[in-house]
Amino acid sequence: MDAGVVARVSRVTRVCARLHLVYTLSRMRPCSVRRFWVHPILRKHLQRGEYHLLVQELRLDDRLFQRYFRMSKEVFDELLGKVGPLITKVDTHLRMSIGPAERLAICLRYLATGDSYATIAFSYRVGRSTVAVIVKEVAGAIWTALVEECMPVPQVEDWRAIAAGFQERWEFPNCVGAIDGKHVVIQAPANAGSLYFNYKSTHSLVLLAVVDAEYLFRVVDVGGFGRSSDSGSLRNSAFGESLRDGSLQLPPDTVIAGSERRGPLPHVFVGDEAFPLLDNLLRPFPGRHLTRERRLFNYRLSRARLVVECAFGILSTQWRMLRRVITTSPEVTELCVKAACVLHNFLRRKTIDMPSRTPIARSTDEVTPTLCDAPRMGSNNATRRSIQQRETFCSYFNEEGAVRWQANVV
């Protein structure tokens, strides 16, 4: 081969090699050098962090402390005694750990305000990732520490006590709870498609809850996809499956006092039009052109059912995270919503002076009182028995179960 040709080929090869090197270097990200192990501003969190300054000052003012944490300092200390052992970290030779009281304060502040992790991190002078870890761990610890005391699995006697409460406060006999769903608005998760997109054109998780006459949550299920209806969330939950197969340990059918001629009636949950009509679940009569008797029944049922709407209102007013678009992952959102529900019961039991029931010892194989995933069930078609039972309740409310003021309402 001619020497000139060889030289030209060699030059072309060198040029290609240089171009390849430039392209490779352009694709490489420059190595970021960490300037600080801990930022100088964060090193002062023991002296200038919000917990060590503002929170300690708030302890001198009960009203302001209540507004800041949604609980009194005595209740905060009691909660810390229950949750503290689960969230305490060990100091290392590299750094001191954040104490359990401050970790609880950070989590409660997030639940109470819904502020971003960055906002809370600046206030408490800790890292944003630290706040993210604390909220996740402490919310899970709150649920673990309080669920057995404040939201135990209802047994037969508990259902009877709930029914007595509805009879006394809302004049609705044999009612063992009001059921409804609440959409918790979240930021659309990555690669989730339309799973969380609901009819309100937002993305959400569904909180399905059973509430008693004292606005206490008795059963909760968090995590249903926003696109699911209330009926679908119930059908795909363990509670819905237990409701259909009769394994909820509800009391046996009972004769209503003063209405012996109607025979025993079942204990029922009350829900709105989104739920199916079942043997132990009452819903209103559908349609607009109803007889006066049926409209009276719908009013009495709605009056009892409003306790769950009020409970959701109290919950979102106290823990304002639920009034914002939550930007955490669905898993963390589920932990936070469950923590808010059990804290609602923890605080409300003190308000109404209601002692917590000592939970019955159960085997480790038994499910917790949350509603877990369940296989899909069949259609929502009502049985003849459930239709007849609703007619019996309708007749009762229009005759011997009537109250003097209902004629003026409907």
Protein backbone atom coordinates (compact mmCIF):
# COMPACT_ATOMS: atom_id res chain seq x y z
CA MET A 1 0.00 0.00 0.00
CA ASP A 2 1.22 3.50 -0.86
CA ALA A 3 2.80 5.31 2.10
CA GLY A 4 0.58 8.37 1.48
CA VAL A 5 -2.56 6.28 1.76
CA VAL A 6 -1.35 4.72 4.99
CA ALA A 7 -0.65 8.17 6.43
CA ARG A 8 -4.11 9.45 5.50
CA VAL A 9 -5.77 6.38 7.08
CA SER A 10 -3.73 6.89 10.23
CA ARG A 11 -4.82 10.55 10.47
CA VAL A 12 -8.49 9.61 9.99
CA THR A 13 -8.17 6.97 12.71
CA ARG A 14 -6.66 9.47 15.14
CA VAL A 15 -9.41 12.01 14.39
CA CYS A 16 -12.14 9.40 14.97
CA ALA A 17 -10.52 8.36 18.24
CA ARG A 18 -10.44 11.99 19.41
CA LEU A 19 -14.10 12.52 18.44
CA HIS A 20 -15.09 9.35 20.29
CA LEU A 21 -13.21 10.55 23.39
CA VAL A 22 -14.91 13.97 23.25
CA TYR A 23 -18.34 12.33 22.88
CA THR A 24 -17.68 9.98 25.77
CA LEU A 25 -16.53 12.80 28.04
CA SER A 26 -19.57 14.89 27.12
CA ARG A 27 -21.85 12.05 28.16
CA MET A 28 -20.20 11.66 31.52
CA ARG A 29 -21.60 13.67 34.43
CA PRO A 30 -19.06 15.65 36.37
CA CYS A 31 -18.32 14.11 39.75
CA SER A 32 -20.02 16.11 42.48
CA VAL A 33 -17.79 16.73 45.43
CA ARG A 34 -19.62 16.80 48.76
CA ARG A 35 -18.80 20.06 50.46
CA PHE A 36 -20.04 19.15 53.95
CA TRP A 37 -20.68 15.99 55.91
CA VAL A 38 -23.29 18.02 57.84
CA HIS A 39 -24.13 21.53 56.68
CA PRO A 40 -23.02 24.20 59.18
CA ILE A 41 -26.59 25.47 59.47
CA LEU A 42 -27.85 21.99 60.43
CA ARG A 43 -25.15 21.61 63.06
CA LYS A 44 -26.94 24.28 65.10
CA HIS A 45 -30.24 22.43 65.37
CA LEU A 46 -29.67 21.76 69.09
CA GLN A 47 -29.31 25.50 69.69
CA ARG A 48 -31.64 27.05 67.08
CA GLY A 49 -33.91 24.27 65.86
CA GLU A 50 -37.64 24.78 66.29
CA TYR A 51 -38.00 21.91 68.76
CA HIS A 52 -35.28 23.24 71.08
CA LEU A 53 -36.52 26.84 70.98
CA LEU A 54 -40.16 27.34 70.01
CA VAL A 55 -41.57 24.03 71.29
CA GLN A 56 -39.94 24.52 74.69
CA GLU A 57 -41.48 28.00 74.91
CA LEU A 58 -44.87 26.62 73.89
CA ARG A 59 -44.80 24.31 76.90
CA LEU A 60 -45.37 27.44 78.99
CA ASP A 61 -48.66 28.16 77.19
CA ASP A 62 -51.19 25.32 77.10
CA ARG A 63 -53.40 26.96 74.46
CA LEU A 64 -50.60 27.57 71.98
CA PHE A 65 -49.14 24.11 72.56
CA GLN A 66 -52.58 22.64 71.76
CA ARG A 67 -52.80 24.63 68.53
CA TYR A 68 -49.29 23.61 67.48
CA PHE A 69 -49.53 19.85 68.09
CA ARG A 70 -53.35 19.39 68.18
CA MET A 71 -52.98 18.00 71.70
CA SER A 72 -52.06 19.19 75.18
CA LYS A 73 -48.56 18.76 76.55
CA GLU A 74 -49.82 16.10 79.00
CA VAL A 75 -51.27 14.07 76.13
CA PHE A 76 -48.10 14.62 74.09
CA ASP A 77 -46.01 13.22 76.93
CA GLU A 78 -48.38 10.27 77.31
CA LEU A 79 -48.16 9.56 73.58
CA LEU A 80 -44.37 9.84 73.76
CA GLY A 81 -44.35 7.22 76.51
CA LYS A 82 -46.20 4.80 74.24
CA VAL A 83 -44.35 5.53 70.99
CA GLY A 84 -40.93 6.49 72.34
CA PRO A 85 -39.51 2.95 72.74
CA LEU A 86 -40.35 2.23 69.08
CA ILE A 87 -38.65 5.32 67.62
CA THR A 88 -35.57 5.73 69.84
CA LYS A 89 -32.27 5.60 67.95
CA VAL A 90 -28.79 4.84 69.28
CA ASP A 91 -26.02 7.48 69.23
CA THR A 92 -22.90 6.58 67.27
CA HIS A 93 -19.31 7.78 67.45
CA LEU A 94 -19.97 9.84 64.30
CA ARG A 95 -23.05 11.77 65.39
CA MET A 96 -25.81 12.07 67.97
CA SER A 97 -29.20 10.71 67.06
CA ILE A 98 -32.36 12.83 67.06
CA GLY A 99 -34.27 12.15 70.27
CA PRO A 100 -37.67 10.43 70.30
CA ALA A 101 -39.49 13.57 71.50
CA GLU A 102 -38.16 15.61 68.60
CA ARG A 103 -38.90 12.81 66.13
CA LEU A 104 -42.50 12.65 67.39
CA ALA A 105 -42.77 16.45 67.18
CA ILE A 106 -41.64 16.45 63.53
CA CYS A 107 -44.17 13.77 62.57
CA LEU A 108 -47.06 15.42 64.42
CA ARG A 109 -46.23 18.77 62.86
CA TYR A 110 -46.37 17.19 59.40
CA LEU A 111 -49.72 15.55 60.13
CA ALA A 112 -51.10 18.76 61.66
CA THR A 113 -50.09 21.07 58.79
CA GLY A 114 -49.25 19.04 55.70
CA ASP A 115 -46.26 21.31 55.10
CA SER A 116 -43.59 20.07 52.72
CA TYR A 117 -40.64 18.10 54.05
CA ALA A 118 -38.36 20.99 53.05
CA THR A 119 -40.34 23.50 55.12
CA ILE A 120 -40.21 21.33 58.22
CA ALA A 121 -36.53 20.55 57.61
CA PHE A 122 -35.65 24.26 57.58
CA SER A 123 -37.69 24.89 60.73
CA TYR A 124 -36.17 22.05 62.73
CA ARG A 125 -32.70 22.43 61.16
CA VAL A 126 -32.44 18.84 59.97
CA GLY A 127 -32.02 17.37 56.51
CA ARG A 128 -34.99 16.95 54.18
CA SER A 129 -34.25 13.23 53.80
CA THR A 130 -34.13 13.01 57.60
CA VAL A 131 -37.65 14.42 57.82
CA ALA A 132 -38.83 11.91 55.20
CA VAL A 133 -37.43 8.98 57.17
CA ILE A 134 -38.80 10.29 60.48
CA VAL A 135 -42.35 10.81 59.17
CA LYS A 136 -42.46 7.30 57.71
CA GLU A 137 -41.06 5.57 60.79
CA VAL A 138 -42.96 7.54 63.42
CA ALA A 139 -46.31 7.31 61.59
CA GLY A 140 -45.92 3.53 61.46
CA ALA A 141 -44.91 3.45 65.13
CA ILE A 142 -47.98 5.51 66.15
CA TRP A 143 -50.26 3.01 64.42
CA THR A 144 -48.46 0.04 65.97
CA ALA A 145 -48.46 1.51 69.48
CA LEU A 146 -52.10 2.67 69.57
CA VAL A 147 -54.11 0.34 67.35
CA GLU A 148 -54.65 -2.38 69.96
CA GLU A 149 -55.78 0.17 72.55
CA CYS A 150 -57.74 2.67 70.46
CA MET A 151 -59.02 0.66 67.50
CA PRO A 152 -59.29 -3.00 68.54
CA VAL A 153 -61.21 -5.51 66.46
CA PRO A 154 -64.86 -5.20 67.63
CA GLN A 155 -66.30 -8.25 69.32
CA VAL A 156 -69.97 -9.13 69.94
CA GLU A 157 -70.25 -6.97 73.06
CA ASP A 158 -68.62 -4.05 71.28
CA TRP A 159 -71.16 -4.24 68.45
CA ARG A 160 -73.96 -4.28 71.04
CA ALA A 161 -72.53 -1.18 72.73
CA ILE A 162 -72.32 0.59 69.37
CA ALA A 163 -75.94 -0.33 68.61
CA ALA A 164 -77.02 1.05 71.98
CA GLY A 165 -75.23 4.30 71.19
CA PHE A 166 -77.03 4.71 67.85
CA GLN A 167 -80.37 3.94 69.51
CA GLU A 168 -79.76 6.49 72.25
CA ARG A 169 -78.30 9.34 70.20
CA TRP A 170 -79.79 8.89 66.73
CA GLU A 171 -82.98 6.84 67.32
CA PHE A 172 -81.81 4.15 64.91
CA PRO A 173 -82.12 0.64 66.41
CA ASN A 174 -79.82 -2.29 65.61
CA CYS A 175 -77.29 -0.01 63.90
CA VAL A 176 -73.68 -1.06 64.46
CA GLY A 177 -71.94 1.66 62.46
CA ALA A 178 -72.02 4.15 59.63
CA ILE A 179 -69.78 3.42 56.65
CA ASP A 180 -68.40 5.72 53.98
CA GLY A 181 -65.31 6.44 51.91
CA LYS A 182 -63.12 9.55 51.72
CA HIS A 183 -60.73 10.44 48.90
CA VAL A 184 -57.31 11.50 50.20
CA VAL A 185 -55.81 13.65 47.45
CA ILE A 186 -52.25 12.74 46.45
CA GLN A 187 -49.76 13.68 43.80
CA ALA A 188 -49.98 11.29 40.86
CA PRO A 189 -47.48 8.45 41.46
CA ALA A 190 -45.00 7.70 38.70
CA ASN A 191 -46.11 5.11 36.15
CA ALA A 192 -49.48 4.65 37.88
CA GLY A 193 -51.60 5.46 34.85
CA SER A 194 -55.22 6.09 35.81
CA LEU A 195 -55.29 3.83 38.89
CA TYR A 196 -55.50 6.75 41.30
CA PHE A 197 -57.51 9.11 39.05
CA ASN A 198 -60.97 9.66 40.54
CA TYR A 199 -64.26 11.15 39.43
CA LYS A 200 -63.25 14.54 40.88
CA SER A 201 -60.40 14.71 38.34
CA THR A 202 -57.74 14.37 41.05
CA HIS A 203 -55.52 11.50 42.13
CA SER A 204 -56.34 9.92 45.46
CA LEU A 205 -56.25 7.03 47.88
CA VAL A 206 -59.55 5.86 49.37
CA LEU A 207 -60.06 5.84 53.15
CA LEU A 208 -62.96 3.48 53.89
CA ALA A 209 -64.16 3.70 57.49
CA VAL A 210 -66.81 2.41 59.89
CA VAL A 211 -67.71 4.98 62.57
CA ASP A 212 -69.76 4.57 65.75
CA ALA A 213 -72.24 6.98 67.34
CA GLU A 214 -69.43 8.80 69.21
CA TYR A 215 -67.52 9.64 65.97
CA LEU A 216 -64.87 7.00 66.71
CA PHE A 217 -63.32 4.99 63.90
CA ARG A 218 -63.95 1.28 64.53
CA VAL A 219 -62.56 -0.17 61.29
CA VAL A 220 -60.47 1.56 58.63
CA ASP A 221 -59.08 0.55 55.28
CA VAL A 222 -56.60 2.84 53.53
CA GLY A 223 -55.03 2.30 50.15
CA GLY A 224 -57.88 1.71 47.73
CA PHE A 225 -57.27 3.14 44.27
CA GLY A 226 -58.95 6.49 43.66
CA ARG A 227 -60.73 5.21 40.56
CA SER A 228 -62.66 2.68 42.66
CA SER A 229 -66.12 3.60 43.90
CA ASP A 230 -67.12 3.21 47.55
CA SER A 231 -68.92 0.04 46.60
CA GLY A 232 -65.84 -1.29 44.82
CA SER A 233 -63.59 -0.43 47.76
CA LEU A 234 -65.94 -2.28 50.10
CA ARG A 235 -66.21 -5.28 47.79
CA ASN A 236 -62.42 -5.65 47.50
CA SER A 237 -61.71 -5.30 51.22
CA ALA A 238 -61.50 -7.90 53.96
CA PHE A 239 -64.30 -6.10 55.81
CA GLY A 240 -66.59 -6.40 52.79
CA GLU A 241 -65.77 -10.08 52.45
CA SER A 242 -66.48 -10.66 56.14
CA LEU A 243 -69.71 -8.69 55.84
CA ARG A 244 -70.89 -10.97 53.05
CA ASP A 245 -69.87 -14.28 54.58
CA GLY A 246 -71.13 -13.40 58.08
CA SER A 247 -67.81 -13.64 59.95
CA LEU A 248 -67.87 -10.19 61.58
CA GLN A 249 -69.18 -11.58 64.90
CA LEU A 250 -72.23 -9.34 64.78
CA PRO A 251 -74.87 -9.95 67.46
CA PRO A 252 -77.75 -12.24 66.48
CA ASP A 253 -80.98 -10.79 65.13
CA THR A 254 -82.80 -8.87 67.85
CA VAL A 255 -86.41 -7.85 68.41
CA ILE A 256 -86.70 -4.06 68.68
CA ALA A 257 -88.38 -2.94 71.89
CA GLY A 258 -91.99 -1.99 71.23
CA SER A 259 -91.99 -3.68 67.83
CA GLU A 260 -92.27 -7.33 68.77
CA ARG A 261 -94.77 -8.05 66.03
CA ARG A 262 -92.13 -7.46 63.36
CA GLY A 263 -89.94 -10.23 64.71
CA PRO A 264 -86.15 -10.23 65.03
CA LEU A 265 -84.26 -7.78 62.82
CA PRO A 266 -80.55 -7.98 61.94
CA HIS A 267 -77.86 -5.59 63.13
CA VAL A 268 -76.95 -3.38 60.19
CA PHE A 269 -74.45 -0.81 58.95
CA VAL A 270 -75.82 2.29 57.22
CA GLY A 271 -74.34 3.77 54.06
CA ASP A 272 -75.24 6.08 51.20
CA GLU A 273 -76.39 5.29 47.66
CA ALA A 274 -72.89 4.25 46.59
CA PHE A 275 -73.05 1.06 48.67
CA PRO A 276 -74.97 -2.12 47.85
CA LEU A 277 -78.03 -3.32 49.74
CA LEU A 278 -77.03 -6.37 51.78
CA ASP A 279 -78.49 -8.33 54.67
CA ASN A 280 -76.36 -6.32 57.14
CA LEU A 281 -75.97 -3.11 55.14
CA LEU A 282 -78.80 -0.64 54.59
CA ARG A 283 -78.81 2.03 51.90
CA PRO A 284 -81.51 4.60 51.00
CA PHE A 285 -84.33 3.92 48.58
CA PRO A 286 -83.16 5.10 45.13
CA GLY A 287 -84.92 7.64 42.95
CA ARG A 288 -86.61 11.01 43.42
CA HIS A 289 -90.27 10.18 43.15
CA LEU A 290 -90.70 8.30 46.42
CA THR A 291 -93.62 7.84 48.74
CA ARG A 292 -93.65 9.84 51.96
CA GLU A 293 -92.93 6.67 53.95
CA ARG A 294 -89.79 5.96 51.96
CA ARG A 295 -88.63 9.56 52.16
CA LEU A 296 -89.00 9.37 55.94
CA PHE A 297 -86.91 6.20 55.98
CA ASN A 298 -84.22 7.87 53.84
CA TYR A 299 -84.14 10.82 56.23
CA ARG A 300 -83.78 8.66 59.33
CA LEU A 301 -81.04 6.61 57.67
CA SER A 302 -79.23 9.74 56.48
CA ARG A 303 -79.43 11.21 59.99
CA ALA A 304 -77.65 8.18 61.42
CA ARG A 305 -75.19 8.01 58.52
CA LEU A 306 -74.02 11.60 58.96
CA VAL A 307 -71.81 10.57 61.89
CA VAL A 308 -69.24 9.21 59.45
CA GLU A 309 -69.29 12.46 57.45
CA CYS A 310 -68.81 14.42 60.67
CA ALA A 311 -65.95 12.11 61.71
CA PHE A 312 -64.19 12.77 58.40
CA GLY A 313 -64.71 16.51 58.95
CA ILE A 314 -63.23 16.37 62.45
CA LEU A 315 -60.32 14.29 61.17
CA SER A 316 -59.39 16.63 58.32
CA THR A 317 -59.83 19.74 60.49
CA GLN A 318 -57.51 18.40 63.16
CA TRP A 319 -54.92 16.83 60.84
CA ARG A 320 -54.74 19.29 57.95
CA MET A 321 -52.43 17.08 55.95
CA LEU A 322 -55.72 15.64 54.64
CA ARG A 323 -56.72 19.03 53.22
CA ARG A 324 -53.68 19.27 50.98
CA VAL A 325 -52.28 17.43 48.01
CA ILE A 326 -50.00 14.87 49.65
CA THR A 327 -46.75 14.53 47.72
CA THR A 328 -45.35 11.43 49.41
CA SER A 329 -45.49 7.93 47.98
CA PRO A 330 -48.76 5.97 48.35
CA GLU A 331 -47.12 3.73 50.95
CA VAL A 332 -46.11 6.66 53.18
CA THR A 333 -49.48 8.34 52.63
CA GLU A 334 -51.22 5.17 53.82
CA LEU A 335 -49.12 5.13 57.01
CA CYS A 336 -49.85 8.80 57.70
CA VAL A 337 -53.61 8.44 57.17
CA LYS A 338 -53.76 5.40 59.45
CA ALA A 339 -51.75 7.30 62.08
CA ALA A 340 -54.17 10.23 61.84
CA CYS A 341 -57.18 7.92 62.30
CA VAL A 342 -55.79 6.18 65.37
CA LEU A 343 -54.69 9.54 66.84
CA HIS A 344 -58.25 10.78 66.29
CA ASN A 345 -59.53 7.93 68.47
CA PHE A 346 -56.74 8.41 71.01
CA LEU A 347 -57.65 12.07 71.50
CA ARG A 348 -61.42 11.72 71.24
CA ARG A 349 -61.62 8.99 73.89
CA LYS A 350 -60.12 11.51 76.32
CA THR A 351 -62.60 14.19 75.22
CA ILE A 352 -65.67 11.99 75.76
CA ASP A 353 -64.11 10.30 78.80
CA MET A 354 -64.48 6.87 77.23
CA PRO A 355 -62.11 4.18 78.49
CA SER A 356 -60.29 2.07 75.94
CA ARG A 357 -61.33 -1.53 75.80
CA THR A 358 -58.73 -4.04 76.85
CA PRO A 359 -58.16 -6.09 73.70
CA ILE A 360 -58.91 -9.78 73.86
CA ALA A 361 -55.87 -11.98 73.52
CA ARG A 362 -55.62 -13.29 70.01
CA SER A 363 -53.30 -15.61 68.18
CA THR A 364 -50.51 -14.10 66.10
CA ASP A 365 -52.16 -15.47 62.97
CA GLU A 366 -55.25 -13.27 63.35
CA VAL A 367 -55.49 -10.22 61.16
CA THR A 368 -55.18 -6.69 62.50
CA PRO A 369 -58.22 -4.40 62.54
CA THR A 370 -57.23 -2.83 59.24
CA LEU A 371 -59.03 -3.90 56.08
CA CYS A 372 -56.56 -5.90 54.02
CA ASP A 373 -56.65 -6.94 50.39
CA ALA A 374 -59.34 -9.44 49.55
CA PRO A 375 -60.39 -11.29 46.40
CA ARG A 376 -62.96 -9.62 44.19
CA MET A 377 -66.53 -10.45 45.05
CA GLY A 378 -69.62 -10.86 42.95
CA SER A 379 -72.25 -8.37 41.86
CA ASN A 380 -74.12 -5.91 44.06
CA ASN A 381 -77.56 -7.37 43.38
CA ALA A 382 -79.72 -7.25 46.50
CA THR A 383 -81.37 -10.42 47.77
CA ARG A 384 -85.07 -10.69 48.50
CA ARG A 385 -84.27 -10.96 52.19
CA SER A 386 -82.32 -7.67 52.26
CA ILE A 387 -85.06 -5.91 50.30
CA GLN A 388 -87.69 -7.17 52.74
CA GLN A 389 -85.59 -6.11 55.73
CA ARG A 390 -85.33 -2.57 54.39
CA GLU A 391 -89.10 -2.49 53.95
CA THR A 392 -89.49 -3.66 57.56
CA PHE A 393 -87.22 -0.87 58.84
CA CYS A 394 -89.19 1.57 56.67
CA SER A 395 -92.48 0.47 58.24
CA TYR A 396 -90.97 0.69 61.73
CA PHE A 397 -89.80 4.29 61.27
CA ASN A 398 -93.22 5.30 59.99
CA GLU A 399 -95.20 3.62 62.77
CA GLU A 400 -94.03 2.64 66.24
CA GLY A 401 -90.48 3.96 65.63
CA ALA A 402 -91.62 7.42 64.52
CA VAL A 403 -90.40 10.49 66.44
CA ARG A 404 -92.55 13.57 66.91
CA TRP A 405 -90.40 15.94 64.84
CA GLN A 406 -89.88 13.83 61.72
CA ALA A 407 -93.22 14.86 60.17
CA ASN A 408 -92.01 18.47 60.12
CA VAL A 409 -88.78 17.57 58.32
CA VAL A 410 -90.08 15.49 55.42
